[in-house]
Amino acid sequence: MSLSLDDCKSIPVWVKLSKVPVQYWTKLGLSYITSVLGRPLYMDSSTVNRYALSYARVCVDMLASSPFPKSILLELDDGSTTNIEVEYPWKPLACTLCKVFDHSNKNCPKAVRREWLPKQVVAAHRRPEDSEGWITVNRMGPQALPGVVMSDVAEEGSI
């Protein structure tokens, strides 16, 4: 017998149901509601004895692949609908890829890992400088006017 969680496809989880209509406050009614979550197992003593009608606690055998909804939409006998709030005092780690309760999707060994690799930095080509530290520009682009020659040294007051 193995006690490994690798084989654990379902697990019992207590759920707390709020705003349950009074007509569904029976074993059959609560089983009907919680069957949306999984296989209902049993109710706690406060729910069975109806000590606290503000909420019901039911133990449900949930599959690792099943979602943990926050509410259940229930259609009543008269055709109207009501929203039943669902709380989970404890949510087990479940992997939707492996369908087990051993680990989360984040730590799944079957998950495809995307690793960020930085691009190689290309060194810029710098033009050679002359002995005084100036760079010779061969082509100035659109700002150069044809036929205009710029002198190397401007005389004082000649502008």
N, C-alpha and C. Protein backbone atom coordinates (compact mmCIF):
# COMPACT_ATOMS: atom_id res chain seq x y z
N MET A 1 0.85 -1.18 0.00
CA MET A 1 0.00 0.00 0.00
C MET A 1 0.89 1.24 0.00
N SER A 2 0.59 2.17 -0.87
CA SER A 2 1.37 3.39 -1.00
C SER A 2 0.62 4.56 -0.37
N LEU A 3 1.31 5.38 0.38
CA LEU A 3 0.71 6.56 0.97
C LEU A 3 1.07 7.82 0.20
N SER A 4 1.51 7.66 -1.02
CA SER A 4 1.91 8.78 -1.86
C SER A 4 0.68 9.54 -2.35
N LEU A 5 0.81 10.86 -2.42
CA LEU A 5 -0.29 11.67 -2.94
C LEU A 5 -0.35 11.67 -4.46
N ASP A 6 0.63 11.03 -5.11
CA ASP A 6 0.64 10.97 -6.57
C ASP A 6 -0.59 10.27 -7.11
N ASP A 7 -1.12 9.32 -6.35
CA ASP A 7 -2.29 8.56 -6.79
C ASP A 7 -3.60 9.15 -6.29
N CYS A 8 -3.53 10.23 -5.57
CA CYS A 8 -4.72 10.81 -4.94
C CYS A 8 -5.48 11.68 -5.95
N LYS A 9 -6.52 11.12 -6.53
CA LYS A 9 -7.31 11.83 -7.55
C LYS A 9 -8.50 12.56 -6.94
N SER A 10 -8.94 12.16 -5.74
CA SER A 10 -10.04 12.84 -5.05
C SER A 10 -9.71 12.94 -3.57
N ILE A 11 -10.34 13.92 -2.92
CA ILE A 11 -10.06 14.16 -1.50
C ILE A 11 -11.31 14.74 -0.84
N PRO A 12 -11.61 14.34 0.40
CA PRO A 12 -12.77 14.92 1.09
C PRO A 12 -12.48 16.34 1.56
N VAL A 13 -13.40 17.25 1.27
CA VAL A 13 -13.25 18.65 1.62
C VAL A 13 -14.54 19.13 2.28
N TRP A 14 -14.43 19.82 3.40
CA TRP A 14 -15.60 20.41 4.03
C TRP A 14 -15.96 21.70 3.29
N VAL A 15 -17.24 21.87 3.00
CA VAL A 15 -17.73 23.10 2.37
C VAL A 15 -18.79 23.71 3.27
N LYS A 16 -18.84 25.03 3.26
CA LYS A 16 -19.83 25.77 4.04
C LYS A 16 -20.76 26.47 3.06
N LEU A 17 -22.04 26.13 3.11
CA LEU A 17 -23.03 26.69 2.21
C LEU A 17 -23.85 27.75 2.94
N SER A 18 -23.96 28.93 2.37
CA SER A 18 -24.76 30.01 2.94
C SER A 18 -25.93 30.32 2.02
N LYS A 19 -27.00 30.85 2.60
CA LYS A 19 -28.22 31.25 1.86
C LYS A 19 -28.91 30.04 1.22
N VAL A 20 -28.95 28.93 1.94
CA VAL A 20 -29.64 27.73 1.44
C VAL A 20 -31.13 27.89 1.73
N PRO A 21 -32.01 27.73 0.73
CA PRO A 21 -33.45 27.81 0.98
C PRO A 21 -33.89 26.72 1.97
N VAL A 22 -34.88 27.04 2.80
CA VAL A 22 -35.33 26.14 3.86
C VAL A 22 -35.81 24.81 3.30
N GLN A 23 -36.47 24.81 2.14
CA GLN A 23 -37.00 23.56 1.57
C GLN A 23 -35.88 22.60 1.15
N TYR A 24 -34.64 23.09 0.99
CA TYR A 24 -33.51 22.24 0.62
C TYR A 24 -32.66 21.86 1.83
N TRP A 25 -33.13 22.19 3.03
CA TRP A 25 -32.37 21.92 4.24
C TRP A 25 -32.65 20.50 4.74
N THR A 26 -32.51 19.54 3.85
CA THR A 26 -32.66 18.12 4.16
C THR A 26 -31.44 17.39 3.63
N LYS A 27 -31.32 16.13 4.01
CA LYS A 27 -30.20 15.34 3.52
C LYS A 27 -30.24 15.23 2.00
N LEU A 28 -31.43 15.01 1.46
CA LEU A 28 -31.60 14.90 0.01
C LEU A 28 -31.34 16.25 -0.67
N GLY A 29 -31.85 17.34 -0.09
CA GLY A 29 -31.69 18.67 -0.68
C GLY A 29 -30.24 19.13 -0.69
N LEU A 30 -29.55 18.95 0.44
CA LEU A 30 -28.14 19.36 0.50
C LEU A 30 -27.26 18.46 -0.37
N SER A 31 -27.64 17.19 -0.50
CA SER A 31 -26.91 16.29 -1.40
C SER A 31 -27.07 16.74 -2.84
N TYR A 32 -28.28 17.17 -3.19
CA TYR A 32 -28.57 17.66 -4.53
C TYR A 32 -27.71 18.89 -4.84
N ILE A 33 -27.63 19.81 -3.89
CA ILE A 33 -26.86 21.05 -4.10
C ILE A 33 -25.37 20.76 -4.20
N THR A 34 -24.84 19.96 -3.27
CA THR A 34 -23.40 19.72 -3.24
C THR A 34 -22.92 18.73 -4.30
N SER A 35 -23.84 18.05 -4.95
CA SER A 35 -23.43 17.13 -6.03
C SER A 35 -22.81 17.88 -7.20
N VAL A 36 -23.04 19.19 -7.26
CA VAL A 36 -22.39 20.02 -8.27
C VAL A 36 -20.88 20.05 -8.02
N LEU A 37 -20.48 19.99 -6.76
CA LEU A 37 -19.06 20.08 -6.38
C LEU A 37 -18.35 18.74 -6.46
N GLY A 38 -19.06 17.67 -6.14
CA GLY A 38 -18.46 16.34 -6.10
C GLY A 38 -19.45 15.36 -5.49
N ARG A 39 -18.94 14.32 -4.85
CA ARG A 39 -19.80 13.31 -4.23
C ARG A 39 -20.00 13.65 -2.76
N PRO A 40 -21.25 14.01 -2.36
CA PRO A 40 -21.50 14.34 -0.95
C PRO A 40 -21.28 13.12 -0.06
N LEU A 41 -20.57 13.31 1.05
CA LEU A 41 -20.28 12.21 1.97
C LEU A 41 -21.16 12.27 3.21
N TYR A 42 -21.07 13.37 3.97
CA TYR A 42 -21.88 13.50 5.18
C TYR A 42 -21.94 14.95 5.61
N MET A 43 -22.87 15.24 6.54
CA MET A 43 -23.06 16.58 7.08
C MET A 43 -22.56 16.60 8.52
N ASP A 44 -22.20 17.79 9.01
CA ASP A 44 -21.80 17.88 10.41
C ASP A 44 -23.04 17.86 11.31
N SER A 45 -22.86 17.69 12.61
CA SER A 45 -23.99 17.51 13.52
C SER A 45 -24.86 18.77 13.62
N SER A 46 -24.28 19.96 13.52
CA SER A 46 -25.08 21.19 13.56
C SER A 46 -26.02 21.28 12.37
N THR A 47 -25.57 20.81 11.23
CA THR A 47 -26.41 20.83 10.02
C THR A 47 -27.50 19.78 10.12
N VAL A 48 -27.16 18.58 10.57
CA VAL A 48 -28.15 17.50 10.70
C VAL A 48 -29.24 17.88 11.69
N ASN A 49 -28.85 18.47 12.82
CA ASN A 49 -29.81 18.85 13.86
C ASN A 49 -30.41 20.23 13.65
N ARG A 50 -29.99 20.94 12.60
CA ARG A 50 -30.50 22.27 12.24
C ARG A 50 -30.32 23.27 13.37
N TYR A 51 -29.13 23.27 13.96
CA TYR A 51 -28.84 24.23 15.03
C TYR A 51 -28.55 25.62 14.48
N ALA A 52 -27.88 25.70 13.35
CA ALA A 52 -27.53 26.98 12.74
C ALA A 52 -28.07 27.00 11.32
N LEU A 53 -29.20 27.67 11.12
CA LEU A 53 -29.81 27.71 9.79
C LEU A 53 -29.19 28.78 8.88
N SER A 54 -28.19 29.49 9.37
CA SER A 54 -27.55 30.51 8.53
C SER A 54 -26.55 29.88 7.55
N TYR A 55 -26.08 28.67 7.86
CA TYR A 55 -25.16 27.98 6.96
C TYR A 55 -25.27 26.48 7.19
N ALA A 56 -24.82 25.71 6.18
CA ALA A 56 -24.77 24.25 6.27
C ALA A 56 -23.35 23.81 5.94
N ARG A 57 -22.87 22.82 6.69
CA ARG A 57 -21.54 22.26 6.42
C ARG A 57 -21.69 20.83 5.94
N VAL A 58 -21.11 20.56 4.77
CA VAL A 58 -21.19 19.24 4.15
C VAL A 58 -19.79 18.83 3.72
N CYS A 59 -19.45 17.57 3.95
CA CYS A 59 -18.17 17.02 3.49
C CYS A 59 -18.39 16.42 2.11
N VAL A 60 -17.60 16.87 1.15
CA VAL A 60 -17.77 16.47 -0.25
C VAL A 60 -16.46 15.87 -0.75
N ASP A 61 -16.55 14.72 -1.40
CA ASP A 61 -15.38 14.10 -2.02
C ASP A 61 -15.20 14.76 -3.38
N MET A 62 -14.17 15.62 -3.50
CA MET A 62 -13.96 16.40 -4.72
C MET A 62 -12.80 15.83 -5.52
N LEU A 63 -12.95 15.87 -6.84
CA LEU A 63 -11.88 15.44 -7.74
C LEU A 63 -10.85 16.56 -7.88
N ALA A 64 -9.63 16.18 -8.18
CA ALA A 64 -8.56 17.17 -8.37
C ALA A 64 -8.84 18.03 -9.59
N SER A 65 -9.59 17.50 -10.55
CA SER A 65 -9.89 18.24 -11.77
C SER A 65 -11.09 19.17 -11.60
N SER A 66 -11.84 19.04 -10.51
CA SER A 66 -13.04 19.85 -10.34
C SER A 66 -12.67 21.25 -9.85
N PRO A 67 -13.43 22.25 -10.29
CA PRO A 67 -13.16 23.62 -9.84
C PRO A 67 -13.68 23.82 -8.41
N PHE A 68 -13.29 24.89 -7.79
CA PHE A 68 -13.77 25.26 -6.47
C PHE A 68 -14.61 26.53 -6.63
N PRO A 69 -15.88 26.39 -7.06
CA PRO A 69 -16.69 27.59 -7.30
C PRO A 69 -17.04 28.30 -6.00
N LYS A 70 -17.21 29.62 -6.10
CA LYS A 70 -17.57 30.42 -4.93
C LYS A 70 -19.07 30.48 -4.72
N SER A 71 -19.82 30.08 -5.74
CA SER A 71 -21.28 30.08 -5.61
C SER A 71 -21.88 29.02 -6.52
N ILE A 72 -23.12 28.62 -6.17
CA ILE A 72 -23.88 27.64 -6.96
C ILE A 72 -25.21 28.28 -7.28
N LEU A 73 -25.57 28.29 -8.55
CA LEU A 73 -26.86 28.82 -8.97
C LEU A 73 -27.87 27.68 -8.93
N LEU A 74 -28.90 27.83 -8.11
CA LEU A 74 -29.89 26.78 -7.90
C LEU A 74 -31.24 27.23 -8.44
N GLU A 75 -31.84 26.39 -9.29
CA GLU A 75 -33.17 26.68 -9.81
C GLU A 75 -34.20 26.08 -8.85
N LEU A 76 -35.11 26.92 -8.38
CA LEU A 76 -36.12 26.49 -7.42
C LEU A 76 -37.32 25.88 -8.13
N ASP A 77 -38.24 25.29 -7.33
CA ASP A 77 -39.42 24.62 -7.89
C ASP A 77 -40.32 25.57 -8.67
N ASP A 78 -40.39 26.84 -8.26
CA ASP A 78 -41.26 27.80 -8.94
C ASP A 78 -40.62 28.41 -10.20
N GLY A 79 -39.42 27.97 -10.55
CA GLY A 79 -38.75 28.46 -11.76
C GLY A 79 -37.77 29.58 -11.50
N SER A 80 -37.83 30.19 -10.33
CA SER A 80 -36.87 31.26 -10.01
C SER A 80 -35.52 30.64 -9.62
N THR A 81 -34.51 31.46 -9.57
CA THR A 81 -33.17 30.97 -9.21
C THR A 81 -32.67 31.69 -7.96
N THR A 82 -31.80 31.03 -7.24
CA THR A 82 -31.15 31.63 -6.08
C THR A 82 -29.67 31.27 -6.11
N ASN A 83 -28.89 32.14 -5.52
CA ASN A 83 -27.44 31.96 -5.51
C ASN A 83 -27.01 31.48 -4.13
N ILE A 84 -26.38 30.31 -4.06
CA ILE A 84 -25.90 29.75 -2.80
C ILE A 84 -24.39 29.98 -2.73
N GLU A 85 -23.97 30.67 -1.67
CA GLU A 85 -22.54 30.96 -1.51
C GLU A 85 -21.82 29.74 -0.96
N VAL A 86 -20.62 29.48 -1.47
CA VAL A 86 -19.82 28.33 -1.05
C VAL A 86 -18.49 28.82 -0.51
N GLU A 87 -18.14 28.37 0.69
CA GLU A 87 -16.84 28.69 1.29
C GLU A 87 -16.09 27.39 1.55
N TYR A 88 -14.77 27.47 1.42
CA TYR A 88 -13.90 26.32 1.67
C TYR A 88 -12.94 26.69 2.80
N PRO A 89 -13.12 26.11 4.00
CA PRO A 89 -12.18 26.42 5.07
C PRO A 89 -10.75 25.99 4.73
N TRP A 90 -10.62 24.97 3.89
CA TRP A 90 -9.31 24.48 3.47
C TRP A 90 -9.40 24.06 2.01
N LYS A 91 -8.52 24.60 1.18
CA LYS A 91 -8.43 24.19 -0.22
C LYS A 91 -7.11 23.46 -0.42
N PRO A 92 -7.17 22.19 -0.79
CA PRO A 92 -5.92 21.46 -1.03
C PRO A 92 -5.25 21.92 -2.32
N LEU A 93 -3.93 21.77 -2.38
CA LEU A 93 -3.21 22.05 -3.62
C LEU A 93 -3.62 21.02 -4.66
N ALA A 94 -4.07 21.49 -5.80
CA ALA A 94 -4.51 20.58 -6.85
C ALA A 94 -3.85 20.97 -8.16
N CYS A 95 -3.39 19.97 -8.89
CA CYS A 95 -2.78 20.18 -10.20
C CYS A 95 -3.80 19.77 -11.26
N THR A 96 -4.21 20.72 -12.08
CA THR A 96 -5.19 20.41 -13.13
C THR A 96 -4.53 19.73 -14.33
N LEU A 97 -3.20 19.75 -14.41
CA LEU A 97 -2.50 19.07 -15.50
C LEU A 97 -2.38 17.58 -15.23
N CYS A 98 -1.96 17.22 -13.99
CA CYS A 98 -1.80 15.81 -13.61
C CYS A 98 -3.09 15.22 -13.04
N LYS A 99 -4.01 16.08 -12.64
CA LYS A 99 -5.27 15.66 -12.00
C LYS A 99 -5.02 14.95 -10.68
N VAL A 100 -4.10 15.49 -9.86
CA VAL A 100 -3.81 14.94 -8.54
C VAL A 100 -3.73 16.09 -7.52
N PHE A 101 -3.76 15.73 -6.24
CA PHE A 101 -3.69 16.70 -5.16
C PHE A 101 -2.29 16.81 -4.56
N ASP A 102 -1.28 16.33 -5.23
CA ASP A 102 0.07 16.31 -4.69
C ASP A 102 0.77 17.66 -4.78
N HIS A 103 0.49 18.43 -5.81
CA HIS A 103 1.19 19.68 -6.05
C HIS A 103 0.29 20.62 -6.84
N SER A 104 0.70 21.87 -6.97
CA SER A 104 -0.06 22.85 -7.76
C SER A 104 0.46 22.88 -9.19
N ASN A 105 -0.25 23.59 -10.06
CA ASN A 105 0.18 23.73 -11.45
C ASN A 105 1.56 24.40 -11.54
N LYS A 106 1.83 25.29 -10.61
CA LYS A 106 3.09 26.03 -10.61
C LYS A 106 4.29 25.09 -10.44
N ASN A 107 4.12 24.04 -9.64
CA ASN A 107 5.21 23.12 -9.35
C ASN A 107 5.09 21.80 -10.10
N CYS A 108 4.28 21.75 -11.13
CA CYS A 108 4.02 20.50 -11.85
C CYS A 108 5.24 20.08 -12.68
N PRO A 109 5.66 18.83 -12.55
CA PRO A 109 6.78 18.36 -13.37
C PRO A 109 6.41 18.20 -14.85
N LYS A 110 5.12 18.10 -15.16
CA LYS A 110 4.69 17.95 -16.55
C LYS A 110 4.48 19.29 -17.25
N ALA A 111 4.49 20.37 -16.49
CA ALA A 111 4.23 21.69 -17.08
C ALA A 111 5.36 22.09 -18.01
N VAL A 112 5.01 22.75 -19.09
CA VAL A 112 6.00 23.25 -20.04
C VAL A 112 6.58 24.53 -19.45
N ARG A 113 7.86 24.54 -19.27
CA ARG A 113 8.54 25.70 -18.69
C ARG A 113 9.01 26.63 -19.80
N ARG A 114 8.70 27.88 -19.63
CA ARG A 114 9.20 28.90 -20.55
C ARG A 114 10.24 29.70 -19.79
N GLU A 115 11.46 29.65 -20.28
CA GLU A 115 12.55 30.31 -19.59
C GLU A 115 12.98 31.53 -20.39
N TRP A 116 13.15 32.64 -19.71
CA TRP A 116 13.55 33.88 -20.36
C TRP A 116 15.05 33.86 -20.59
N LEU A 117 15.44 34.07 -21.81
CA LEU A 117 16.86 34.16 -22.15
C LEU A 117 17.11 35.56 -22.70
N PRO A 118 18.05 36.29 -22.13
CA PRO A 118 18.30 37.65 -22.62
C PRO A 118 18.95 37.62 -24.00
N LYS A 119 18.60 38.61 -24.80
CA LYS A 119 19.21 38.72 -26.12
C LYS A 119 20.65 39.17 -25.97
N GLN A 120 21.47 38.74 -26.91
CA GLN A 120 22.87 39.16 -26.87
C GLN A 120 22.95 40.63 -27.24
N VAL A 121 23.79 41.34 -26.51
CA VAL A 121 23.98 42.76 -26.77
C VAL A 121 24.99 42.90 -27.89
N VAL A 122 24.59 43.63 -28.92
CA VAL A 122 25.48 43.86 -30.05
C VAL A 122 26.27 45.14 -29.77
N ALA A 123 27.58 45.04 -29.81
CA ALA A 123 28.42 46.21 -29.55
C ALA A 123 28.29 47.19 -30.70
N ALA A 124 28.15 48.45 -30.38
CA ALA A 124 28.03 49.49 -31.40
C ALA A 124 29.39 49.72 -32.06
N HIS A 125 29.37 49.94 -33.35
CA HIS A 125 30.60 50.19 -34.09
C HIS A 125 30.91 51.68 -33.99
N ARG A 126 32.01 51.99 -33.38
CA ARG A 126 32.39 53.39 -33.20
C ARG A 126 33.43 53.75 -34.25
N ARG A 127 33.23 54.91 -34.83
CA ARG A 127 34.16 55.37 -35.86
C ARG A 127 35.46 55.83 -35.20
N PRO A 128 36.54 55.67 -35.94
CA PRO A 128 37.84 56.06 -35.36
C PRO A 128 37.95 57.57 -35.21
N GLU A 129 38.61 57.97 -34.15
CA GLU A 129 38.82 59.39 -33.88
C GLU A 129 40.19 59.80 -34.41
N ASP A 130 40.30 61.10 -34.74
CA ASP A 130 41.62 61.58 -35.14
C ASP A 130 42.44 61.91 -33.90
N SER A 131 43.61 62.51 -34.08
CA SER A 131 44.52 62.75 -32.95
C SER A 131 43.94 63.73 -31.93
N GLU A 132 43.03 64.61 -32.34
CA GLU A 132 42.45 65.60 -31.43
C GLU A 132 41.14 65.11 -30.81
N GLY A 133 40.68 63.92 -31.17
CA GLY A 133 39.45 63.39 -30.59
C GLY A 133 38.20 63.64 -31.43
N TRP A 134 38.36 64.16 -32.65
CA TRP A 134 37.23 64.43 -33.53
C TRP A 134 36.94 63.21 -34.38
N ILE A 135 35.66 63.05 -34.72
CA ILE A 135 35.24 61.96 -35.59
C ILE A 135 34.92 62.54 -36.96
N THR A 136 35.46 61.95 -38.00
CA THR A 136 35.23 62.41 -39.36
C THR A 136 33.88 61.89 -39.84
N VAL A 137 33.02 62.81 -40.28
CA VAL A 137 31.70 62.43 -40.79
C VAL A 137 31.76 62.49 -42.30
N ASN A 138 31.46 61.38 -42.96
CA ASN A 138 31.52 61.33 -44.41
C ASN A 138 30.25 61.87 -45.04
N ARG A 139 29.12 61.62 -44.42
CA ARG A 139 27.85 62.03 -45.00
C ARG A 139 27.00 62.60 -43.89
N MET A 140 26.46 63.79 -44.08
CA MET A 140 25.73 64.42 -43.00
C MET A 140 24.24 64.13 -43.06
N GLY A 141 23.73 63.67 -44.15
CA GLY A 141 22.31 63.37 -44.23
C GLY A 141 21.51 64.55 -44.75
N PRO A 142 20.21 64.63 -44.43
CA PRO A 142 19.34 65.64 -45.02
C PRO A 142 19.64 67.07 -44.59
N GLN A 143 20.35 67.31 -43.48
CA GLN A 143 20.57 68.68 -43.05
C GLN A 143 21.69 69.38 -43.83
N ALA A 144 22.49 68.66 -44.58
CA ALA A 144 23.56 69.28 -45.37
C ALA A 144 22.99 69.81 -46.68
N LEU A 145 23.32 71.04 -46.99
CA LEU A 145 22.84 71.64 -48.23
C LEU A 145 23.90 71.45 -49.31
N PRO A 146 23.46 71.09 -50.53
CA PRO A 146 24.44 70.90 -51.59
C PRO A 146 25.07 72.24 -52.00
N GLY A 147 26.37 72.21 -52.25
CA GLY A 147 27.07 73.40 -52.71
C GLY A 147 27.52 74.32 -51.60
N VAL A 148 27.19 74.04 -50.36
CA VAL A 148 27.62 74.89 -49.26
C VAL A 148 28.80 74.21 -48.57
N VAL A 149 29.88 74.93 -48.46
CA VAL A 149 31.08 74.40 -47.82
C VAL A 149 31.24 75.11 -46.49
N MET A 150 31.39 74.34 -45.45
CA MET A 150 31.55 74.94 -44.13
C MET A 150 33.04 75.05 -43.84
N SER A 151 33.44 76.20 -43.34
CA SER A 151 34.86 76.38 -43.04
C SER A 151 35.19 75.70 -41.73
N ASP A 152 36.45 75.35 -41.58
CA ASP A 152 36.89 74.64 -40.38
C ASP A 152 36.90 75.56 -39.17
N VAL A 153 37.34 76.80 -39.34
CA VAL A 153 37.45 77.71 -38.21
C VAL A 153 36.70 78.99 -38.56
N ALA A 154 35.84 79.40 -37.66
CA ALA A 154 35.11 80.65 -37.88
C ALA A 154 35.91 81.79 -37.26
N GLU A 155 36.01 82.88 -38.02
CA GLU A 155 36.74 84.02 -37.50
C GLU A 155 35.84 84.79 -36.55
N GLU A 156 36.47 85.48 -35.63
CA GLU A 156 35.72 86.22 -34.64
C GLU A 156 34.93 87.34 -35.30
N GLY A 157 33.61 87.37 -35.02
CA GLY A 157 32.74 88.39 -35.56
C GLY A 157 32.36 88.19 -37.00
N SER A 158 32.60 87.02 -37.57
CA SER A 158 32.30 86.82 -38.98
C SER A 158 30.95 86.15 -39.21
N ILE A 159 30.17 85.97 -38.20
CA ILE A 159 28.91 85.27 -38.39
C ILE A 159 27.84 86.18 -38.87
